[in-house]
Amino acid sequence: MAGVRDVAAAVLTRTGPITTMKLQKLLYYAQAWHLVFQRKPMFDEKIEAWPQGPVTPSIFAGHRKQYQVTSGPSGNAGALTAPENATLTWVMDKYAHYSAETLSRLTHMESPWRVARGIVDENEKSSQPIAHDQMRHFYARRSPMSTSRSPRPRPARPWKVSISTTTGNELSATSRPAPALPTTWSPKK
């Protein structure tokens, strides 16, 4: 298992200089998705639900009062295992193009941060940790991956959507192929 400083160094190796906020959010997503893909944490350090979103305090302490981070705080990017690198590559492909502010807004809309914040006002300080179970559960439901534990895309599946012929409301969606409609199809009256 890599340390959070190793993961931070690996992120910075891939991105170059980035804002401290963006580094924090990418570390959070790396941890969350590694919990989904490998069912274990990528690093041991806790992530807290701060007003600006998820923050790893030990990394924050290493670049306190810096707007931009240019190098990993004494981390070794080469210390990541193959599964950790695979997860980080997937996370970078999915999230690295977003701005720090967008990533912060995303985390604020997602339940792991919101549950950890509880009833604390959005701008109030908090050091409440974000639970691994919350992260794994939330992101597993959003996973585009198969039920396997490695980050591989699922094959595309056709969807069948049933529509009520009287109200037009959607009734169900299943992963079975939709049958072809007859060319003279019309709703029953």
C-alpha atoms as a PDB file:
ATOM      1  CA  MET A   1       0.000   0.000   0.000  1.00  0.00           C
ATOM      2  CA  ALA A   2       1.328   3.394  -0.986  1.00  0.00           C
ATOM      3  CA  GLY A   3       1.357   6.333   1.371  1.00  0.00           C
ATOM      4  CA  VAL A   4      -0.643   9.455   0.617  1.00  0.00           C
ATOM      5  CA  ARG A   5       2.593  11.342  -0.106  1.00  0.00           C
ATOM      6  CA  ASP A   6       3.472   8.722  -2.745  1.00  0.00           C
ATOM      7  CA  VAL A   7       0.055   9.111  -4.359  1.00  0.00           C
ATOM      8  CA  ALA A   8       0.405  12.917  -4.271  1.00  0.00           C
ATOM      9  CA  ALA A   9       3.804  12.632  -5.969  1.00  0.00           C
ATOM     10  CA  ALA A  10       2.286  10.358  -8.636  1.00  0.00           C
ATOM     11  CA  VAL A  11      -0.546  12.846  -9.252  1.00  0.00           C
ATOM     12  CA  LEU A  12       1.935  15.715  -9.601  1.00  0.00           C
ATOM     13  CA  THR A  13       4.131  13.644 -11.930  1.00  0.00           C
ATOM     14  CA  ARG A  14       1.118  13.269 -14.234  1.00  0.00           C
ATOM     15  CA  THR A  15      -0.285  16.789 -13.956  1.00  0.00           C
ATOM     16  CA  GLY A  16       2.663  19.064 -13.330  1.00  0.00           C
ATOM     17  CA  PRO A  17       1.992  22.034 -11.045  1.00  0.00           C
ATOM     18  CA  ILE A  18      -1.625  22.197  -9.818  1.00  0.00           C
ATOM     19  CA  THR A  19      -3.512  24.046  -7.132  1.00  0.00           C
ATOM     20  CA  THR A  20      -3.558  22.623  -3.643  1.00  0.00           C
ATOM     21  CA  MET A  21      -7.348  22.278  -3.852  1.00  0.00           C
ATOM     22  CA  LYS A  22      -7.168  20.231  -7.043  1.00  0.00           C
ATOM     23  CA  LEU A  23      -4.492  17.965  -5.561  1.00  0.00           C
ATOM     24  CA  GLN A  24      -6.697  17.335  -2.518  1.00  0.00           C
ATOM     25  CA  LYS A  25      -9.732  16.467  -4.656  1.00  0.00           C
ATOM     26  CA  LEU A  26      -7.740  14.127  -6.934  1.00  0.00           C
ATOM     27  CA  LEU A  27      -6.377  12.326  -3.849  1.00  0.00           C
ATOM     28  CA  TYR A  28      -9.930  11.949  -2.559  1.00  0.00           C
ATOM     29  CA  TYR A  29     -11.197  10.498  -5.841  1.00  0.00           C
ATOM     30  CA  ALA A  30      -8.173   8.174  -6.069  1.00  0.00           C
ATOM     31  CA  GLN A  31      -8.959   6.839  -2.589  1.00  0.00           C
ATOM     32  CA  ALA A  32     -12.691   6.528  -3.290  1.00  0.00           C
ATOM     33  CA  TRP A  33     -12.338   4.696  -6.595  1.00  0.00           C
ATOM     34  CA  HIS A  34      -9.579   2.434  -5.275  1.00  0.00           C
ATOM     35  CA  LEU A  35     -12.009   1.391  -2.536  1.00  0.00           C
ATOM     36  CA  VAL A  36     -14.471   0.460  -5.294  1.00  0.00           C
ATOM     37  CA  PHE A  37     -12.028  -1.274  -7.644  1.00  0.00           C
ATOM     38  CA  GLN A  38      -9.823  -3.065  -5.115  1.00  0.00           C
ATOM     39  CA  ARG A  39     -12.038  -3.095  -2.006  1.00  0.00           C
ATOM     40  CA  LYS A  40      -9.207  -1.648   0.067  1.00  0.00           C
ATOM     41  CA  PRO A  41      -7.785   1.834   0.619  1.00  0.00           C
ATOM     42  CA  MET A  42      -5.011   3.172  -1.589  1.00  0.00           C
ATOM     43  CA  PHE A  43      -3.459   4.880   1.449  1.00  0.00           C
ATOM     44  CA  ASP A  44      -4.026   4.844   5.226  1.00  0.00           C
ATOM     45  CA  GLU A  45      -4.275   8.563   5.931  1.00  0.00           C
ATOM     46  CA  LYS A  46      -7.738   9.848   6.722  1.00  0.00           C
ATOM     47  CA  ILE A  47      -9.626  12.297   4.544  1.00  0.00           C
ATOM     48  CA  GLU A  48     -11.653  14.919   6.394  1.00  0.00           C
ATOM     49  CA  ALA A  49     -14.811  16.788   5.360  1.00  0.00           C
ATOM     50  CA  TRP A  50     -13.583  20.383   5.379  1.00  0.00           C
ATOM     51  CA  PRO A  51     -15.717  23.311   4.150  1.00  0.00           C
ATOM     52  CA  GLN A  52     -13.838  23.363   0.824  1.00  0.00           C
ATOM     53  CA  GLY A  53     -14.422  19.636   0.326  1.00  0.00           C
ATOM     54  CA  PRO A  54     -12.412  16.511   1.173  1.00  0.00           C
ATOM     55  CA  VAL A  55      -8.906  17.213   2.520  1.00  0.00           C
ATOM     56  CA  THR A  56      -6.062  14.957   3.632  1.00  0.00           C
ATOM     57  CA  PRO A  57      -4.611  16.902   6.601  1.00  0.00           C
ATOM     58  CA  SER A  58      -1.086  15.492   6.303  1.00  0.00           C
ATOM     59  CA  ILE A  59      -0.825  16.686   2.690  1.00  0.00           C
ATOM     60  CA  PHE A  60      -2.413  20.022   3.565  1.00  0.00           C
ATOM     61  CA  ALA A  61       0.224  20.552   6.265  1.00  0.00           C
ATOM     62  CA  GLY A  62       2.953  19.958   3.675  1.00  0.00           C
ATOM     63  CA  HIS A  63       1.766  22.728   1.365  1.00  0.00           C
ATOM     64  CA  ARG A  64      -0.010  25.058   3.769  1.00  0.00           C
ATOM     65  CA  LYS A  65      -0.360  28.638   2.465  1.00  0.00           C
ATOM     66  CA  GLN A  66       0.684  27.598  -1.049  1.00  0.00           C
ATOM     67  CA  TYR A  67      -1.743  28.199  -3.886  1.00  0.00           C
ATOM     68  CA  GLN A  68       0.064  25.871  -6.253  1.00  0.00           C
ATOM     69  CA  VAL A  69       1.972  22.663  -5.613  1.00  0.00           C
ATOM     70  CA  THR A  70       4.885  21.879  -7.922  1.00  0.00           C
ATOM     71  CA  SER A  71       6.337  18.731  -6.356  1.00  0.00           C
ATOM     72  CA  GLY A  72       5.207  15.917  -4.109  1.00  0.00           C
ATOM     73  CA  PRO A  73       5.874  16.450  -0.402  1.00  0.00           C
ATOM     74  CA  SER A  74       8.665  13.851   0.014  1.00  0.00           C
ATOM     75  CA  GLY A  75       6.667  11.187  -1.808  1.00  0.00           C
ATOM     76  CA  ASN A  76       7.832   8.506  -4.219  1.00  0.00           C
ATOM     77  CA  ALA A  77       5.610   8.171  -7.308  1.00  0.00           C
ATOM     78  CA  GLY A  78       7.318   4.858  -8.088  1.00  0.00           C
ATOM     79  CA  ALA A  79       6.041   3.308  -4.844  1.00  0.00           C
ATOM     80  CA  LEU A  80       2.533   2.714  -6.247  1.00  0.00           C
ATOM     81  CA  THR A  81       1.609  -0.880  -7.080  1.00  0.00           C
ATOM     82  CA  ALA A  82       0.199  -1.845 -10.485  1.00  0.00           C
ATOM     83  CA  PRO A  83      -3.426  -1.774  -9.202  1.00  0.00           C
ATOM     84  CA  GLU A  84      -2.822   1.608  -7.540  1.00  0.00           C
ATOM     85  CA  ASN A  85      -1.375   2.959 -10.793  1.00  0.00           C
ATOM     86  CA  ALA A  86      -4.345   1.574 -12.739  1.00  0.00           C
ATOM     87  CA  THR A  87      -6.788   3.297 -10.394  1.00  0.00           C
ATOM     88  CA  LEU A  88      -4.855   6.562 -10.498  1.00  0.00           C
ATOM     89  CA  THR A  89      -4.729   6.477 -14.308  1.00  0.00           C
ATOM     90  CA  TRP A  90      -8.495   5.938 -14.406  1.00  0.00           C
ATOM     91  CA  VAL A  91      -9.105   8.777 -11.922  1.00  0.00           C
ATOM     92  CA  MET A  92      -6.839  11.140 -13.838  1.00  0.00           C
ATOM     93  CA  ASP A  93      -8.635  10.354 -17.099  1.00  0.00           C
ATOM     94  CA  LYS A  94     -12.001  10.981 -15.453  1.00  0.00           C
ATOM     95  CA  TYR A  95     -11.275  14.013 -13.246  1.00  0.00           C
ATOM     96  CA  ALA A  96      -7.957  15.760 -14.045  1.00  0.00           C
ATOM     97  CA  HIS A  97      -9.451  17.943 -16.782  1.00  0.00           C
ATOM     98  CA  TYR A  98     -11.796  19.642 -14.279  1.00  0.00           C
ATOM     99  CA  SER A  99     -10.835  22.816 -12.453  1.00  0.00           C
ATOM    100  CA  ALA A 100     -10.273  22.756  -8.700  1.00  0.00           C
ATOM    101  CA  GLU A 101     -13.517  24.676  -8.192  1.00  0.00           C
ATOM    102  CA  THR A 102     -15.517  22.196 -10.280  1.00  0.00           C
ATOM    103  CA  LEU A 103     -14.041  19.262  -8.377  1.00  0.00           C
ATOM    104  CA  SER A 104     -14.914  20.976  -5.100  1.00  0.00           C
ATOM    105  CA  ARG A 105     -18.501  21.535  -6.275  1.00  0.00           C
ATOM    106  CA  LEU A 106     -18.731  17.879  -7.323  1.00  0.00           C
ATOM    107  CA  THR A 107     -17.629  16.645  -3.910  1.00  0.00           C
ATOM    108  CA  HIS A 108     -20.113  19.005  -2.227  1.00  0.00           C
ATOM    109  CA  MET A 109     -22.962  17.404  -4.195  1.00  0.00           C
ATOM    110  CA  GLU A 110     -21.933  13.843  -3.330  1.00  0.00           C
ATOM    111  CA  SER A 111     -23.120  12.049  -0.215  1.00  0.00           C
ATOM    112  CA  PRO A 112     -19.794  10.934   1.395  1.00  0.00           C
ATOM    113  CA  TRP A 113     -18.778  14.548   2.071  1.00  0.00           C
ATOM    114  CA  ARG A 114     -22.332  15.588   2.974  1.00  0.00           C
ATOM    115  CA  VAL A 115     -22.834  12.674   5.398  1.00  0.00           C
ATOM    116  CA  ALA A 116     -19.490  13.357   7.100  1.00  0.00           C
ATOM    117  CA  ARG A 117     -20.395  17.035   7.454  1.00  0.00           C
ATOM    118  CA  GLY A 118     -23.697  16.069   9.072  1.00  0.00           C
ATOM    119  CA  ILE A 119     -25.562  19.076  10.419  1.00  0.00           C
ATOM    120  CA  VAL A 120     -22.483  21.322  10.416  1.00  0.00           C
ATOM    121  CA  ASP A 121     -22.997  24.485   8.359  1.00  0.00           C
ATOM    122  CA  GLU A 122     -21.316  24.332   4.939  1.00  0.00           C
ATOM    123  CA  ASN A 123     -18.776  27.032   5.886  1.00  0.00           C
ATOM    124  CA  GLU A 124     -18.133  25.838   9.449  1.00  0.00           C
ATOM    125  CA  LYS A 125     -14.859  24.061  10.280  1.00  0.00           C
ATOM    126  CA  SER A 126     -14.968  20.322  10.778  1.00  0.00           C
ATOM    127  CA  SER A 127     -12.376  17.573  11.071  1.00  0.00           C
ATOM    128  CA  GLN A 128     -14.898  14.761  10.695  1.00  0.00           C
ATOM    129  CA  PRO A 129     -13.365  11.928   8.635  1.00  0.00           C
ATOM    130  CA  ILE A 130     -15.125  10.686   5.518  1.00  0.00           C
ATOM    131  CA  ALA A 131     -15.823   6.987   6.093  1.00  0.00           C
ATOM    132  CA  HIS A 132     -14.390   4.467   3.650  1.00  0.00           C
ATOM    133  CA  ASP A 133     -17.687   2.576   3.652  1.00  0.00           C
ATOM    134  CA  GLN A 134     -19.525   5.742   2.604  1.00  0.00           C
ATOM    135  CA  MET A 135     -17.093   6.336  -0.257  1.00  0.00           C
ATOM    136  CA  ARG A 136     -17.135   2.740  -1.458  1.00  0.00           C
ATOM    137  CA  HIS A 137     -20.921   2.482  -1.327  1.00  0.00           C
ATOM    138  CA  PHE A 138     -21.562   5.813  -3.063  1.00  0.00           C
ATOM    139  CA  TYR A 139     -19.060   5.393  -5.908  1.00  0.00           C
ATOM    140  CA  ALA A 140     -19.783   1.697  -6.466  1.00  0.00           C
ATOM    141  CA  ARG A 141     -23.325   2.690  -7.409  1.00  0.00           C
ATOM    142  CA  ARG A 142     -21.906   5.104 -10.000  1.00  0.00           C
ATOM    143  CA  SER A 143     -19.243   2.791 -11.300  1.00  0.00           C
ATOM    144  CA  PRO A 144     -19.083   2.270 -15.065  1.00  0.00           C
ATOM    145  CA  MET A 145     -17.109  -0.854 -14.310  1.00  0.00           C
ATOM    146  CA  SER A 146     -18.152  -4.460 -14.315  1.00  0.00           C
ATOM    147  CA  THR A 147     -18.593  -6.360 -11.095  1.00  0.00           C
ATOM    148  CA  SER A 148     -14.947  -7.368 -11.336  1.00  0.00           C
ATOM    149  CA  ARG A 149     -12.534  -5.640  -9.001  1.00  0.00           C
ATOM    150  CA  SER A 150     -10.277  -4.148 -11.657  1.00  0.00           C
ATOM    151  CA  PRO A 151     -10.919  -0.888 -13.504  1.00  0.00           C
ATOM    152  CA  ARG A 152     -12.217  -2.151 -16.852  1.00  0.00           C
ATOM    153  CA  PRO A 153     -15.157  -0.638 -18.719  1.00  0.00           C
ATOM    154  CA  ARG A 154     -18.334  -2.653 -19.035  1.00  0.00           C
ATOM    155  CA  PRO A 155     -19.389  -3.577 -22.548  1.00  0.00           C
ATOM    156  CA  ALA A 156     -22.175  -1.385 -23.881  1.00  0.00           C
ATOM    157  CA  ARG A 157     -25.636  -2.870 -23.437  1.00  0.00           C
ATOM    158  CA  PRO A 158     -28.787  -1.941 -25.298  1.00  0.00           C
ATOM    159  CA  TRP A 159     -31.588  -0.732 -23.055  1.00  0.00           C
ATOM    160  CA  LYS A 160     -35.296  -1.405 -23.233  1.00  0.00           C
ATOM    161  CA  VAL A 161     -37.535   1.368 -22.026  1.00  0.00           C
ATOM    162  CA  SER A 162     -41.245   0.749 -21.656  1.00  0.00           C
ATOM    163  CA  ILE A 163     -43.518   3.734 -22.140  1.00  0.00           C
ATOM    164  CA  SER A 164     -47.138   3.886 -21.088  1.00  0.00           C
ATOM    165  CA  THR A 165     -49.292   4.340 -24.179  1.00  0.00           C
ATOM    166  CA  THR A 166     -51.922   6.261 -22.212  1.00  0.00           C
ATOM    167  CA  THR A 167     -49.865   8.683 -20.133  1.00  0.00           C
ATOM    168  CA  GLY A 168     -46.443   8.704 -21.826  1.00  0.00           C
ATOM    169  CA  ASN A 169     -44.748   8.141 -18.478  1.00  0.00           C
ATOM    170  CA  GLU A 170     -41.704   5.908 -18.276  1.00  0.00           C
ATOM    171  CA  LEU A 171     -42.543   2.631 -16.581  1.00  0.00           C
ATOM    172  CA  SER A 172     -39.327   0.620 -16.511  1.00  0.00           C
ATOM    173  CA  ALA A 173     -35.812   0.289 -17.872  1.00  0.00           C
ATOM    174  CA  THR A 174     -34.041  -3.044 -18.193  1.00  0.00           C
ATOM    175  CA  SER A 175     -30.812  -4.229 -19.775  1.00  0.00           C
ATOM    176  CA  ARG A 176     -32.568  -6.548 -22.230  1.00  0.00           C
ATOM    177  CA  PRO A 177     -32.568  -5.547 -25.896  1.00  0.00           C
ATOM    178  CA  ALA A 178     -35.705  -3.709 -26.947  1.00  0.00           C
ATOM    179  CA  PRO A 179     -37.786  -5.566 -29.530  1.00  0.00           C
ATOM    180  CA  ALA A 180     -38.187  -3.886 -32.887  1.00  0.00           C
ATOM    181  CA  LEU A 181     -41.471  -2.045 -33.270  1.00  0.00           C
ATOM    182  CA  PRO A 182     -43.685  -3.008 -36.192  1.00  0.00           C
ATOM    183  CA  THR A 183     -43.696  -0.424 -38.922  1.00  0.00           C
ATOM    184  CA  THR A 184     -47.439   0.111 -38.475  1.00  0.00           C
ATOM    185  CA  TRP A 185     -47.314   0.408 -34.689  1.00  0.00           C
ATOM    186  CA  SER A 186     -49.702   2.799 -32.997  1.00  0.00           C
ATOM    187  CA  PRO A 187     -50.876   3.097 -29.396  1.00  0.00           C
ATOM    188  CA  LYS A 188     -54.003   1.179 -28.455  1.00  0.00           C
ATOM    189  CA  LYS A 189     -56.995   3.367 -27.770  1.00  0.00           C
END
